[in-house]
């Protein structure tokens, strides 16, 4: 799910970092967004709506719609599409109870 070699762009080699999403560990690359890292790990659902618990993922991808809100290191409503991953970052879906993780 990631571009590893490109004929025009500079080297795409990046340092691997470890993140957790809903209690499970995943590899990500330094400099990529939370949304990109989760998509590369086959994760499409980022949160559930407050009313009805409908699943939500990336919609606009540029920080306007707020559909990709997640909790990052205990900070709620962080937009996954514009926030870059950091090593050991703890990410949790919004709209689910902690005992569901």
PDB file of N, CA and C in Angstrom:
ATOM      1  N   UNK A   1       0.806  -1.206   0.000  1.00  0.00           N
ATOM      2  CA  UNK A   1       0.000   0.000   0.000  1.00  0.00           C
ATOM      3  C   UNK A   1       0.848   1.269   0.000  1.00  0.00           C
ATOM      4  N   UNK A   2       2.146   1.155   0.043  1.00  0.00           N
ATOM      5  CA  UNK A   2       2.993   2.346   0.015  1.00  0.00           C
ATOM      6  C   UNK A   2       3.811   2.365  -1.268  1.00  0.00           C
ATOM      7  N   UNK A   3       4.068   3.547  -1.779  1.00  0.00           N
ATOM      8  CA  UNK A   3       4.981   3.688  -2.912  1.00  0.00           C
ATOM      9  C   UNK A   3       6.388   3.565  -2.361  1.00  0.00           C
ATOM     10  N   UNK A   4       7.151   2.637  -2.891  1.00  0.00           N
ATOM     11  CA  UNK A   4       8.504   2.412  -2.394  1.00  0.00           C
ATOM     12  C   UNK A   4       9.564   2.936  -3.347  1.00  0.00           C
ATOM     13  N   UNK A   5       9.214   3.039  -4.627  1.00  0.00           N
ATOM     14  CA  UNK A   5      10.164   3.525  -5.612  1.00  0.00           C
ATOM     15  C   UNK A   5       9.405   4.405  -6.601  1.00  0.00           C
ATOM     16  N   UNK A   6       9.969   5.584  -6.882  1.00  0.00           N
ATOM     17  CA  UNK A   6       9.321   6.522  -7.781  1.00  0.00           C
ATOM     18  C   UNK A   6      10.369   7.123  -8.703  1.00  0.00           C
ATOM     19  N   UNK A   7      10.098   7.239 -10.004  1.00  0.00           N
ATOM     20  CA  UNK A   7      11.122   7.712 -10.947  1.00  0.00           C
ATOM     21  C   UNK A   7      11.462   9.200 -10.832  1.00  0.00           C
ATOM     22  N   UNK A   8      10.610   9.992 -10.202  1.00  0.00           N
ATOM     23  CA  UNK A   8      10.847  11.436 -10.140  1.00  0.00           C
ATOM     24  C   UNK A   8      11.167  11.929  -8.732  1.00  0.00           C
ATOM     25  N   UNK A   9      10.449  11.421  -7.757  1.00  0.00           N
ATOM     26  CA  UNK A   9      10.621  11.885  -6.385  1.00  0.00           C
ATOM     27  C   UNK A   9      11.956  11.459  -5.815  1.00  0.00           C
ATOM     28  N   UNK A  10      12.400  12.170  -4.815  1.00  0.00           N
ATOM     29  CA  UNK A  10      13.631  11.797  -4.114  1.00  0.00           C
ATOM     30  C   UNK A  10      13.452  10.449  -3.429  1.00  0.00           C
ATOM     31  N   UNK A  11      14.475   9.995  -2.796  1.00  0.00           N
ATOM     32  CA  UNK A  11      14.437   8.699  -2.125  1.00  0.00           C
ATOM     33  C   UNK A  11      13.240   8.612  -1.185  1.00  0.00           C
ATOM     34  N   UNK A  12      12.556   7.495  -1.241  1.00  0.00           N
ATOM     35  CA  UNK A  12      11.393   7.289  -0.400  1.00  0.00           C
ATOM     36  C   UNK A  12      11.722   6.464   0.836  1.00  0.00           C
ATOM     37  N   UNK A  13      12.982   6.207   1.063  1.00  0.00           N
ATOM     38  CA  UNK A  13      13.399   5.446   2.239  1.00  0.00           C
ATOM     39  C   UNK A  13      13.273   6.339   3.467  1.00  0.00           C
ATOM     40  N   UNK A  14      12.580   5.826   4.470  1.00  0.00           N
ATOM     41  CA  UNK A  14      12.382   6.583   5.707  1.00  0.00           C
ATOM     42  C   UNK A  14      12.565   5.666   6.900  1.00  0.00           C
ATOM     43  N   UNK A  15      12.786   6.284   8.022  1.00  0.00           N
ATOM     44  CA  UNK A  15      12.945   5.536   9.270  1.00  0.00           C
ATOM     45  C   UNK A  15      11.602   4.940   9.687  1.00  0.00           C
ATOM     46  N   UNK A  16      11.616   3.674  10.082  1.00  0.00           N
ATOM     47  CA  UNK A  16      10.416   3.040  10.593  1.00  0.00           C
ATOM     48  C   UNK A  16      10.195   3.438  12.050  1.00  0.00           C
ATOM     49  N   UNK A  17       8.938   3.653  12.398  1.00  0.00           N
ATOM     50  CA  UNK A  17       8.565   3.935  13.780  1.00  0.00           C
ATOM     51  C   UNK A  17       7.434   2.991  14.160  1.00  0.00           C
ATOM     52  N   UNK A  18       7.225   2.840  15.441  1.00  0.00           N
ATOM     53  CA  UNK A  18       6.174   1.968  15.974  1.00  0.00           C
ATOM     54  C   UNK A  18       5.044   2.833  16.504  1.00  0.00           C
ATOM     55  N   UNK A  19       3.824   2.516  16.109  1.00  0.00           N
ATOM     56  CA  UNK A  19       2.638   3.190  16.652  1.00  0.00           C
ATOM     57  C   UNK A  19       1.674   2.121  17.146  1.00  0.00           C
ATOM     58  N   UNK A  20       0.740   2.529  18.005  1.00  0.00           N
ATOM     59  CA  UNK A  20      -0.321   1.601  18.380  1.00  0.00           C
ATOM     60  C   UNK A  20      -1.650   2.227  17.994  1.00  0.00           C
ATOM     61  N   UNK A  21      -2.552   1.382  17.531  1.00  0.00           N
ATOM     62  CA  UNK A  21      -3.904   1.808  17.186  1.00  0.00           C
ATOM     63  C   UNK A  21      -4.864   0.836  17.845  1.00  0.00           C
ATOM     64  N   UNK A  22      -5.688   1.359  18.726  1.00  0.00           N
ATOM     65  CA  UNK A  22      -6.636   0.542  19.491  1.00  0.00           C
ATOM     66  C   UNK A  22      -5.947  -0.651  20.143  1.00  0.00           C
ATOM     67  N   UNK A  23      -4.752  -0.395  20.684  1.00  0.00           N
ATOM     68  CA  UNK A  23      -4.030  -1.398  21.454  1.00  0.00           C
ATOM     69  C   UNK A  23      -3.154  -2.349  20.656  1.00  0.00           C
ATOM     70  N   UNK A  24      -3.171  -2.270  19.320  1.00  0.00           N
ATOM     71  CA  UNK A  24      -2.336  -3.142  18.498  1.00  0.00           C
ATOM     72  C   UNK A  24      -1.191  -2.348  17.887  1.00  0.00           C
ATOM     73  N   UNK A  25      -0.019  -2.977  17.798  1.00  0.00           N
ATOM     74  CA  UNK A  25       1.166  -2.311  17.255  1.00  0.00           C
ATOM     75  C   UNK A  25       1.212  -2.398  15.732  1.00  0.00           C
ATOM     76  N   UNK A  26       1.667  -1.305  15.130  1.00  0.00           N
ATOM     77  CA  UNK A  26       1.829  -1.227  13.676  1.00  0.00           C
ATOM     78  C   UNK A  26       3.111  -0.482  13.352  1.00  0.00           C
ATOM     79  N   UNK A  27       3.660  -0.777  12.177  1.00  0.00           N
ATOM     80  CA  UNK A  27       4.804  -0.028  11.680  1.00  0.00           C
ATOM     81  C   UNK A  27       4.304   1.150  10.864  1.00  0.00           C
ATOM     82  N   UNK A  28       5.004   2.263  10.986  1.00  0.00           N
ATOM     83  CA  UNK A  28       4.714   3.452  10.194  1.00  0.00           C
ATOM     84  C   UNK A  28       6.061   4.028   9.772  1.00  0.00           C
ATOM     85  N   UNK A  29       6.027   5.016   8.898  1.00  0.00           N
ATOM     86  CA  UNK A  29       7.255   5.672   8.482  1.00  0.00           C
ATOM     87  C   UNK A  29       7.264   7.106   8.980  1.00  0.00           C
ATOM     88  N   UNK A  30       8.395   7.499   9.509  1.00  0.00           N
ATOM     89  CA  UNK A  30       8.568   8.857   9.990  1.00  0.00           C
ATOM     90  C   UNK A  30       8.199   9.836   8.879  1.00  0.00           C
ATOM     91  N   UNK A  31       7.395  10.825   9.216  1.00  0.00           N
ATOM     92  CA  UNK A  31       7.013  11.844   8.251  1.00  0.00           C
ATOM     93  C   UNK A  31       5.665  11.628   7.599  1.00  0.00           C
ATOM     94  N   UNK A  32       5.099  10.412   7.683  1.00  0.00           N
ATOM     95  CA  UNK A  32       3.792  10.206   7.078  1.00  0.00           C
ATOM     96  C   UNK A  32       2.699  10.549   8.086  1.00  0.00           C
ATOM     97  N   UNK A  33       1.525  10.819   7.587  1.00  0.00           N
ATOM     98  CA  UNK A  33       0.418  11.156   8.471  1.00  0.00           C
ATOM     99  C   UNK A  33      -0.135   9.903   9.140  1.00  0.00           C
ATOM    100  N   UNK A  34      -0.859  10.122  10.215  1.00  0.00           N
ATOM    101  CA  UNK A  34      -1.518   9.014  10.901  1.00  0.00           C
ATOM    102  C   UNK A  34      -2.436   8.290   9.922  1.00  0.00           C
ATOM    103  N   UNK A  35      -3.209   9.042   9.155  1.00  0.00           N
ATOM    104  CA  UNK A  35      -4.140   8.435   8.200  1.00  0.00           C
ATOM    105  C   UNK A  35      -3.405   7.573   7.182  1.00  0.00           C
ATOM    106  N   UNK A  36      -2.301   8.068   6.642  1.00  0.00           N
ATOM    107  CA  UNK A  36      -1.529   7.303   5.653  1.00  0.00           C
ATOM    108  C   UNK A  36      -0.970   6.028   6.272  1.00  0.00           C
ATOM    109  N   UNK A  37      -0.474   6.132   7.490  1.00  0.00           N
ATOM    110  CA  UNK A  37       0.088   4.960   8.170  1.00  0.00           C
ATOM    111  C   UNK A  37      -0.991   3.913   8.422  1.00  0.00           C
ATOM    112  N   UNK A  38      -2.162   4.349   8.866  1.00  0.00           N
ATOM    113  CA  UNK A  38      -3.240   3.397   9.130  1.00  0.00           C
ATOM    114  C   UNK A  38      -3.767   2.781   7.835  1.00  0.00           C
ATOM    115  N   UNK A  39      -3.917   3.579   6.794  1.00  0.00           N
ATOM    116  CA  UNK A  39      -4.346   3.039   5.506  1.00  0.00           C
ATOM    117  C   UNK A  39      -3.351   2.005   4.984  1.00  0.00           C
ATOM    118  N   UNK A  40      -2.064   2.276   5.131  1.00  0.00           N
ATOM    119  CA  UNK A  40      -1.034   1.342   4.682  1.00  0.00           C
ATOM    120  C   UNK A  40      -1.092   0.028   5.458  1.00  0.00           C
ATOM    121  N   UNK A  41      -1.659   0.081   6.649  1.00  0.00           N
ATOM    122  CA  UNK A  41      -1.825  -1.121   7.472  1.00  0.00           C
ATOM    123  C   UNK A  41      -3.242  -1.685   7.357  1.00  0.00           C
ATOM    124  N   UNK A  42      -3.945  -1.332   6.281  1.00  0.00           N
ATOM    125  CA  UNK A  42      -5.278  -1.859   5.966  1.00  0.00           C
ATOM    126  C   UNK A  42      -6.375  -1.418   6.936  1.00  0.00           C
ATOM    127  N   UNK A  43      -6.174  -0.313   7.620  1.00  0.00           N
ATOM    128  CA  UNK A  43      -7.186   0.200   8.552  1.00  0.00           C
ATOM    129  C   UNK A  43      -7.948   1.319   7.856  1.00  0.00           C
ATOM    130  N   UNK A  44      -9.240   1.149   7.727  1.00  0.00           N
ATOM    131  CA  UNK A  44     -10.078   2.117   7.026  1.00  0.00           C
ATOM    132  C   UNK A  44     -11.001   2.903   7.962  1.00  0.00           C
ATOM    133  N   UNK A  45     -11.375   2.316   9.074  1.00  0.00           N
ATOM    134  CA  UNK A  45     -12.282   2.982  10.015  1.00  0.00           C
ATOM    135  C   UNK A  45     -11.452   3.676  11.089  1.00  0.00           C
ATOM    136  N   UNK A  46     -11.638   4.989  11.216  1.00  0.00           N
ATOM    137  CA  UNK A  46     -10.872   5.777  12.177  1.00  0.00           C
ATOM    138  C   UNK A  46     -11.690   6.193  13.394  1.00  0.00           C
ATOM    139  N   UNK A  47     -12.986   6.270  13.240  1.00  0.00           N
ATOM    140  CA  UNK A  47     -13.850   6.655  14.359  1.00  0.00           C
ATOM    141  C   UNK A  47     -15.269   6.213  14.077  1.00  0.00           C
ATOM    142  N   UNK A  48     -16.135   6.410  15.081  1.00  0.00           N
ATOM    143  CA  UNK A  48     -17.562   6.114  14.960  1.00  0.00           C
ATOM    144  C   UNK A  48     -18.331   7.356  15.375  1.00  0.00           C
ATOM    145  N   UNK A  49     -19.402   7.652  14.666  1.00  0.00           N
ATOM    146  CA  UNK A  49     -20.166   8.859  14.956  1.00  0.00           C
ATOM    147  C   UNK A  49     -20.788   8.793  16.349  1.00  0.00           C
ATOM    148  N   UNK A  50     -21.012   9.974  16.900  1.00  0.00           N
ATOM    149  CA  UNK A  50     -21.585  10.067  18.234  1.00  0.00           C
ATOM    150  C   UNK A  50     -23.012   9.524  18.249  1.00  0.00           C
ATOM    151  N   UNK A  51     -23.771   9.856  17.227  1.00  0.00           N
ATOM    152  CA  UNK A  51     -25.150   9.353  17.112  1.00  0.00           C
ATOM    153  C   UNK A  51     -25.146   8.204  16.109  1.00  0.00           C
ATOM    154  N   UNK A  52     -25.561   7.062  16.542  1.00  0.00           N
ATOM    155  CA  UNK A  52     -25.693   5.932  15.643  1.00  0.00           C
ATOM    156  C   UNK A  52     -24.461   5.055  15.488  1.00  0.00           C
ATOM    157  N   UNK A  53     -23.328   5.529  15.958  1.00  0.00           N
ATOM    158  CA  UNK A  53     -22.077   4.749  15.892  1.00  0.00           C
ATOM    159  C   UNK A  53     -21.727   4.287  14.471  1.00  0.00           C
ATOM    160  N   UNK A  54     -21.984   5.132  13.474  1.00  0.00           N
ATOM    161  CA  UNK A  54     -21.639   4.811  12.091  1.00  0.00           C
ATOM    162  C   UNK A  54     -20.128   4.964  11.890  1.00  0.00           C
ATOM    163  N   UNK A  55     -19.498   4.048  11.161  1.00  0.00           N
ATOM    164  CA  UNK A  55     -18.048   4.135  10.946  1.00  0.00           C
ATOM    165  C   UNK A  55     -17.672   5.297  10.031  1.00  0.00           C
ATOM    166  N   UNK A  56     -16.541   5.912  10.327  1.00  0.00           N
ATOM    167  CA  UNK A  56     -16.011   7.010   9.514  1.00  0.00           C
ATOM    168  C   UNK A  56     -14.528   6.774   9.261  1.00  0.00           C
ATOM    169  N   UNK A  57     -14.067   7.248   8.122  1.00  0.00           N
ATOM    170  CA  UNK A  57     -12.654   7.145   7.758  1.00  0.00           C
ATOM    171  C   UNK A  57     -12.201   8.464   7.154  1.00  0.00           C
ATOM    172  N   UNK A  58     -11.271   8.385   6.248  1.00  0.00           N
ATOM    173  CA  UNK A  58     -10.783   9.600   5.587  1.00  0.00           C
ATOM    174  C   UNK A  58     -11.815  10.044   4.564  1.00  0.00           C
ATOM    175  N   UNK A  59     -12.115  11.318   4.559  1.00  0.00           N
ATOM    176  CA  UNK A  59     -13.062  11.854   3.582  1.00  0.00           C
ATOM    177  C   UNK A  59     -12.365  12.887   2.704  1.00  0.00           C
ATOM    178  N   UNK A  60     -11.978  14.018   3.275  1.00  0.00           N
ATOM    179  CA  UNK A  60     -11.361  15.057   2.443  1.00  0.00           C
ATOM    180  C   UNK A  60      -9.846  14.888   2.336  1.00  0.00           C
ATOM    181  N   UNK A  61      -9.227  14.396   3.379  1.00  0.00           N
ATOM    182  CA  UNK A  61      -7.781  14.185   3.360  1.00  0.00           C
ATOM    183  C   UNK A  61      -6.939  15.441   3.508  1.00  0.00           C
ATOM    184  N   UNK A  62      -7.578  16.600   3.763  1.00  0.00           N
ATOM    185  CA  UNK A  62      -6.820  17.849   3.889  1.00  0.00           C
ATOM    186  C   UNK A  62      -7.191  18.645   5.144  1.00  0.00           C
ATOM    187  N   UNK A  63      -7.878  18.023   6.085  1.00  0.00           N
ATOM    188  CA  UNK A  63      -8.144  18.667   7.368  1.00  0.00           C
ATOM    189  C   UNK A  63      -9.371  19.536   7.463  1.00  0.00           C
ATOM    190  N   UNK A  64     -10.242  19.532   6.466  1.00  0.00           N
ATOM    191  CA  UNK A  64     -11.425  20.389   6.502  1.00  0.00           C
ATOM    192  C   UNK A  64     -12.645  19.735   7.128  1.00  0.00           C
ATOM    193  N   UNK A  65     -12.829  18.441   6.932  1.00  0.00           N
ATOM    194  CA  UNK A  65     -14.111  17.831   7.276  1.00  0.00           C
ATOM    195  C   UNK A  65     -14.174  17.235   8.688  1.00  0.00           C
ATOM    196  N   UNK A  66     -13.073  16.965   9.306  1.00  0.00           N
ATOM    197  CA  UNK A  66     -13.019  16.404  10.668  1.00  0.00           C
ATOM    198  C   UNK A  66     -13.571  14.980  10.777  1.00  0.00           C
ATOM    199  N   UNK A  67     -13.721  14.271   9.682  1.00  0.00           N
ATOM    200  CA  UNK A  67     -14.212  12.891   9.729  1.00  0.00           C
ATOM    201  C   UNK A  67     -13.164  11.926  10.275  1.00  0.00           C
ATOM    202  N   UNK A  68     -11.906  12.285  10.218  1.00  0.00           N
ATOM    203  CA  UNK A  68     -10.824  11.370  10.601  1.00  0.00           C
ATOM    204  C   UNK A  68     -10.313  11.600  12.021  1.00  0.00           C
ATOM    205  N   UNK A  69     -11.133  12.189  12.871  1.00  0.00           N
ATOM    206  CA  UNK A  69     -10.706  12.490  14.243  1.00  0.00           C
ATOM    207  C   UNK A  69     -10.389  11.222  15.029  1.00  0.00           C
ATOM    208  N   UNK A  70      -9.251  11.242  15.700  1.00  0.00           N
ATOM    209  CA  UNK A  70      -8.827  10.144  16.570  1.00  0.00           C
ATOM    210  C   UNK A  70      -8.290  10.746  17.863  1.00  0.00           C
ATOM    211  N   UNK A  71      -8.105   9.907  18.853  1.00  0.00           N
ATOM    212  CA  UNK A  71      -7.478  10.339  20.099  1.00  0.00           C
ATOM    213  C   UNK A  71      -6.012   9.926  20.020  1.00  0.00           C
ATOM    214  N   UNK A  72      -5.115  10.893  20.227  1.00  0.00           N
ATOM    215  CA  UNK A  72      -3.674  10.643  20.139  1.00  0.00           C
ATOM    216  C   UNK A  72      -3.027  11.005  21.466  1.00  0.00           C
ATOM    217  N   UNK A  73      -2.404  10.018  22.095  1.00  0.00           N
ATOM    218  CA  UNK A  73      -1.742  10.237  23.378  1.00  0.00           C
ATOM    219  C   UNK A  73      -2.644  11.012  24.347  1.00  0.00           C
ATOM    220  N   UNK A  74      -3.894  10.567  24.443  1.00  0.00           N
ATOM    221  CA  UNK A  74      -4.925  11.120  25.331  1.00  0.00           C
ATOM    222  C   UNK A  74      -5.462  12.486  24.912  1.00  0.00           C
ATOM    223  N   UNK A  75      -5.113  12.980  23.740  1.00  0.00           N
ATOM    224  CA  UNK A  75      -5.677  14.233  23.230  1.00  0.00           C
ATOM    225  C   UNK A  75      -6.765  13.886  22.214  1.00  0.00           C
ATOM    226  N   UNK A  76      -7.988  14.294  22.511  1.00  0.00           N
ATOM    227  CA  UNK A  76      -9.132  13.964  21.643  1.00  0.00           C
ATOM    228  C   UNK A  76      -9.191  14.852  20.398  1.00  0.00           C
ATOM    229  N   UNK A  77      -9.866  14.340  19.401  1.00  0.00           N
ATOM    230  CA  UNK A  77     -10.196  15.077  18.171  1.00  0.00           C
ATOM    231  C   UNK A  77      -8.987  15.577  17.395  1.00  0.00           C
ATOM    232  N   UNK A  78      -7.973  14.759  17.298  1.00  0.00           N
ATOM    233  CA  UNK A  78      -6.807  15.054  16.463  1.00  0.00           C
ATOM    234  C   UNK A  78      -7.127  14.577  15.055  1.00  0.00           C
ATOM    235  N   UNK A  79      -6.904  15.417  14.056  1.00  0.00           N
ATOM    236  CA  UNK A  79      -7.196  15.044  12.675  1.00  0.00           C
ATOM    237  C   UNK A  79      -6.066  14.167  12.119  1.00  0.00           C
ATOM    238  N   UNK A  80      -6.402  12.933  11.818  1.00  0.00           N
ATOM    239  CA  UNK A  80      -5.414  11.948  11.367  1.00  0.00           C
ATOM    240  C   UNK A  80      -4.819  12.291  10.007  1.00  0.00           C
ATOM    241  N   UNK A  81      -5.558  13.011   9.176  1.00  0.00           N
ATOM    242  CA  UNK A  81      -5.085  13.284   7.821  1.00  0.00           C
ATOM    243  C   UNK A  81      -4.009  14.367   7.759  1.00  0.00           C
ATOM    244  N   UNK A  82      -3.858  15.154   8.819  1.00  0.00           N
ATOM    245  CA  UNK A  82      -2.848  16.220   8.787  1.00  0.00           C
ATOM    246  C   UNK A  82      -1.835  16.126   9.934  1.00  0.00           C
ATOM    247  N   UNK A  83      -1.937  15.081  10.748  1.00  0.00           N
ATOM    248  CA  UNK A  83      -1.029  14.911  11.881  1.00  0.00           C
ATOM    249  C   UNK A  83      -0.020  13.821  11.564  1.00  0.00           C
ATOM    250  N   UNK A  84       1.252  14.149  11.702  1.00  0.00           N
ATOM    251  CA  UNK A  84       2.313  13.191  11.380  1.00  0.00           C
ATOM    252  C   UNK A  84       2.574  12.244  12.549  1.00  0.00           C
ATOM    253  N   UNK A  85       2.904  10.999  12.207  1.00  0.00           N
ATOM    254  CA  UNK A  85       3.179  10.003  13.245  1.00  0.00           C
ATOM    255  C   UNK A  85       4.489  10.306  13.956  1.00  0.00           C
ATOM    256  N   UNK A  86       4.560   9.851  15.184  1.00  0.00           N
ATOM    257  CA  UNK A  86       5.780   9.897  15.992  1.00  0.00           C
ATOM    258  C   UNK A  86       5.983   8.522  16.588  1.00  0.00           C
ATOM    259  N   UNK A  87       7.220   8.178  16.853  1.00  0.00           N
ATOM    260  CA  UNK A  87       7.519   6.878  17.427  1.00  0.00           C
ATOM    261  C   UNK A  87       6.791   6.711  18.760  1.00  0.00           C
ATOM    262  N   UNK A  88       6.192   5.551  18.948  1.00  0.00           N
ATOM    263  CA  UNK A  88       5.460   5.169  20.162  1.00  0.00           C
ATOM    264  C   UNK A  88       4.155   5.946  20.364  1.00  0.00           C
ATOM    265  N   UNK A  89       3.643   6.557  19.307  1.00  0.00           N
ATOM    266  CA  UNK A  89       2.381   7.279  19.382  1.00  0.00           C
ATOM    267  C   UNK A  89       1.248   6.290  19.673  1.00  0.00           C
ATOM    268  N   UNK A  90       0.352   6.673  20.588  1.00  0.00           N
ATOM    269  CA  UNK A  90      -0.787   5.837  20.965  1.00  0.00           C
ATOM    270  C   UNK A  90      -2.048   6.465  20.380  1.00  0.00           C
ATOM    271  N   UNK A  91      -2.681   5.759  19.441  1.00  0.00           N
ATOM    272  CA  UNK A  91      -3.838   6.263  18.714  1.00  0.00           C
ATOM    273  C   UNK A  91      -5.045   5.383  19.043  1.00  0.00           C
ATOM    274  N   UNK A  92      -6.176   6.027  19.318  1.00  0.00           N
ATOM    275  CA  UNK A  92      -7.395   5.286  19.648  1.00  0.00           C
ATOM    276  C   UNK A  92      -8.555   5.870  18.846  1.00  0.00           C
ATOM    277  N   UNK A  93      -9.409   4.992  18.338  1.00  0.00           N
ATOM    278  CA  UNK A  93     -10.628   5.412  17.653  1.00  0.00           C
ATOM    279  C   UNK A  93     -11.488   6.218  18.601  1.00  0.00           C
ATOM    280  N   UNK A  94     -12.174   7.207  18.081  1.00  0.00           N
ATOM    281  CA  UNK A  94     -13.159   7.921  18.885  1.00  0.00           C
ATOM    282  C   UNK A  94     -14.515   7.292  18.654  1.00  0.00           C
ATOM    283  N   UNK A  95     -15.346   7.333  19.681  1.00  0.00           N
ATOM    284  CA  UNK A  95     -16.695   6.820  19.561  1.00  0.00           C
ATOM    285  C   UNK A  95     -16.837   5.368  19.987  1.00  0.00           C
ATOM    286  N   UNK A  96     -15.777   4.787  20.556  1.00  0.00           N
ATOM    287  CA  UNK A  96     -15.877   3.452  21.096  1.00  0.00           C
ATOM    288  C   UNK A  96     -15.429   3.491  22.544  1.00  0.00           C
ATOM    289  N   UNK A  97     -15.917   2.571  23.326  1.00  0.00           N
ATOM    290  CA  UNK A  97     -15.537   2.503  24.736  1.00  0.00           C
ATOM    291  C   UNK A  97     -14.190   1.814  24.876  1.00  0.00           C
ATOM    292  N   UNK A  98     -13.437   2.196  25.891  1.00  0.00           N
ATOM    293  CA  UNK A  98     -12.106   1.626  26.120  1.00  0.00           C
ATOM    294  C   UNK A  98     -12.156   0.110  26.274  1.00  0.00           C
ATOM    295  N   UNK A  99     -13.245  -0.421  26.847  1.00  0.00           N
ATOM    296  CA  UNK A  99     -13.326  -1.872  27.020  1.00  0.00           C
ATOM    297  C   UNK A  99     -13.618  -2.609  25.721  1.00  0.00           C
ATOM    298  N   UNK A 100     -13.910  -1.861  24.633  1.00  0.00           N
ATOM    299  CA  UNK A 100     -14.124  -2.482  23.323  1.00  0.00           C
ATOM    300  C   UNK A 100     -12.826  -2.673  22.557  1.00  0.00           C
ATOM    301  N   UNK A 101     -11.740  -2.072  23.037  1.00  0.00           N
ATOM    302  CA  UNK A 101     -10.451  -2.142  22.345  1.00  0.00           C
ATOM    303  C   UNK A 101      -9.808  -3.481  22.581  1.00  0.00           C
TER     304      UNK A 101
END
